[in-house]
Amino acid sequence: MTNKLDNKAAFDNDAAFNQKVFVNMDLIPCPVCGHLCSRDALTCPKCGKPLAKKNKVIAAILALLFGGLGLHKFYLGKVLWGVIYLLFCWTGIPSIVGLVEGIIYLFTSDEDFKHKYG
């Protein structure tokens, strides 16, 4: 009877450990095959396709120069926001917001930017 309890306790400890490891892993899905890949991987280990990496300097330059058109939003994969910027570009408000976002992108740490935008 004690042996079964010891085995159950060992199983519970292993399950808790495995769950903790899985939660702490930073995985992203491959855009082609959907396989979960490490966020630091350059290519998908299953299909071999490159995983898209967004560059904060490119995003900042697009925001500073073309923020009024929302090009930085399209680059970062925020298509809906890009369309909204395009719809309101005639007001000048997206240009001001794009300028502020460009500065924010430049001063965001690489790790935070990569975590938020991939």
Protein backbone atom coordinates (compact mmCIF):
# COMPACT_ATOMS: atom_id res chain seq x y z
CA MET A 1 0.00 0.00 0.00
CA THR A 2 2.84 2.36 0.86
CA ASN A 3 4.52 1.57 -2.45
CA LYS A 4 1.45 2.78 -4.39
CA LEU A 5 1.38 6.00 -2.38
CA ASP A 6 5.08 6.55 -2.99
CA ASN A 7 4.59 5.96 -6.73
CA LYS A 8 1.64 8.39 -6.82
CA ALA A 9 3.66 11.04 -4.98
CA ALA A 10 6.58 10.55 -7.38
CA PHE A 11 4.21 10.80 -10.36
CA ASP A 12 2.63 13.98 -8.98
CA ASN A 13 6.07 15.51 -8.48
CA ASP A 14 7.13 14.58 -12.03
CA ALA A 15 3.86 15.91 -13.48
CA ALA A 16 4.26 19.19 -11.57
CA PHE A 17 7.87 19.46 -12.73
CA ASN A 18 6.97 18.76 -16.37
CA GLN A 19 4.12 21.26 -16.26
CA LYS A 20 6.40 23.91 -14.79
CA VAL A 21 9.01 23.31 -17.51
CA PHE A 22 6.38 23.57 -20.24
CA VAL A 23 4.94 26.79 -18.82
CA ASN A 24 8.39 28.38 -18.59
CA MET A 25 9.31 27.48 -22.18
CA ASP A 26 8.84 30.32 -24.61
CA LEU A 27 7.31 28.62 -27.66
CA ILE A 28 5.85 30.12 -30.80
CA PRO A 29 3.98 28.29 -33.56
CA CYS A 30 5.54 27.94 -36.99
CA PRO A 31 3.50 30.05 -39.44
CA VAL A 32 3.74 27.28 -42.07
CA CYS A 33 3.21 23.96 -40.27
CA GLY A 34 2.06 25.07 -36.79
CA HIS A 35 4.82 23.14 -34.97
CA LEU A 36 5.76 24.75 -31.62
CA CYS A 37 9.28 26.15 -31.93
CA SER A 38 11.60 27.90 -29.53
CA ARG A 39 11.32 31.68 -29.75
CA ASP A 40 15.09 31.81 -30.37
CA ALA A 41 15.00 29.38 -33.30
CA LEU A 42 15.76 30.78 -36.74
CA THR A 43 14.05 27.95 -38.64
CA CYS A 44 11.31 25.45 -37.83
CA PRO A 45 12.87 22.09 -36.88
CA LYS A 46 9.94 20.22 -38.47
CA CYS A 47 9.50 21.88 -41.86
CA GLY A 48 12.74 23.89 -42.12
CA LYS A 49 11.01 27.16 -43.04
CA PRO A 50 12.51 30.35 -41.57
CA LEU A 51 10.65 31.87 -38.64
CA ALA A 52 9.92 35.55 -39.21
CA LYS A 53 11.84 37.87 -36.90
CA LYS A 54 10.79 41.50 -36.60
CA ASN A 55 13.53 44.09 -36.34
CA LYS A 56 12.81 46.97 -33.98
CA VAL A 57 15.02 49.40 -35.91
CA ILE A 58 13.12 48.73 -39.14
CA ALA A 59 9.80 49.09 -37.28
CA ALA A 60 10.99 52.38 -35.76
CA ILE A 61 12.14 53.77 -39.12
CA LEU A 62 8.84 52.82 -40.73
CA ALA A 63 6.94 54.43 -37.85
CA LEU A 64 9.00 57.63 -37.97
CA LEU A 65 8.92 58.05 -41.75
CA PHE A 66 5.61 56.45 -42.76
CA GLY A 67 3.71 56.30 -39.47
CA GLY A 68 0.82 58.25 -40.93
CA LEU A 69 0.20 55.45 -43.42
CA GLY A 70 0.57 52.71 -40.82
CA LEU A 71 3.35 50.86 -42.63
CA HIS A 72 4.97 49.94 -39.30
CA LYS A 73 1.72 48.28 -38.20
CA PHE A 74 1.62 46.17 -41.35
CA TYR A 75 5.29 45.22 -40.84
CA LEU A 76 4.55 44.12 -37.26
CA GLY A 77 1.58 42.01 -38.36
CA LYS A 78 -1.10 44.34 -36.97
CA VAL A 79 -3.08 44.54 -40.21
CA LEU A 80 -6.29 45.91 -38.68
CA TRP A 81 -4.38 48.77 -37.06
CA GLY A 82 -2.60 49.41 -40.36
CA VAL A 83 -5.93 49.76 -42.12
CA ILE A 84 -7.20 52.10 -39.39
CA TYR A 85 -4.09 54.26 -39.80
CA LEU A 86 -4.70 54.36 -43.56
CA LEU A 87 -8.34 55.34 -43.11
CA PHE A 88 -7.45 58.24 -40.83
CA CYS A 89 -4.19 59.34 -42.48
CA TRP A 90 -5.88 62.48 -43.84
CA THR A 91 -6.35 63.78 -40.26
CA GLY A 92 -2.65 63.78 -39.39
CA ILE A 93 -3.32 61.99 -36.11
CA PRO A 94 -1.70 58.72 -37.25
CA SER A 95 1.45 60.67 -38.14
CA ILE A 96 1.76 61.98 -34.59
CA VAL A 97 1.00 58.56 -33.10
CA GLY A 98 3.49 56.94 -35.50
CA LEU A 99 6.18 59.39 -34.41
CA VAL A 100 5.58 58.52 -30.75
CA GLU A 101 5.50 54.78 -31.53
CA GLY A 102 8.76 55.03 -33.46
CA ILE A 103 10.46 56.59 -30.45
CA ILE A 104 8.96 53.94 -28.16
CA TYR A 105 10.24 51.17 -30.45
CA LEU A 106 13.76 52.61 -30.36
CA PHE A 107 13.83 52.77 -26.56
CA THR A 108 12.22 49.37 -25.97
CA SER A 109 14.67 46.66 -24.99
CA ASP A 110 15.38 44.01 -27.61
CA GLU A 111 13.98 41.30 -25.35
CA ASP A 112 10.68 43.13 -24.73
CA PHE A 113 10.31 43.95 -28.43
CA LYS A 114 11.00 40.34 -29.44
CA HIS A 115 8.55 39.06 -26.84
CA LYS A 116 5.78 41.40 -27.99
CA TYR A 117 6.26 41.30 -31.77
CA GLY A 118 8.33 38.17 -32.40
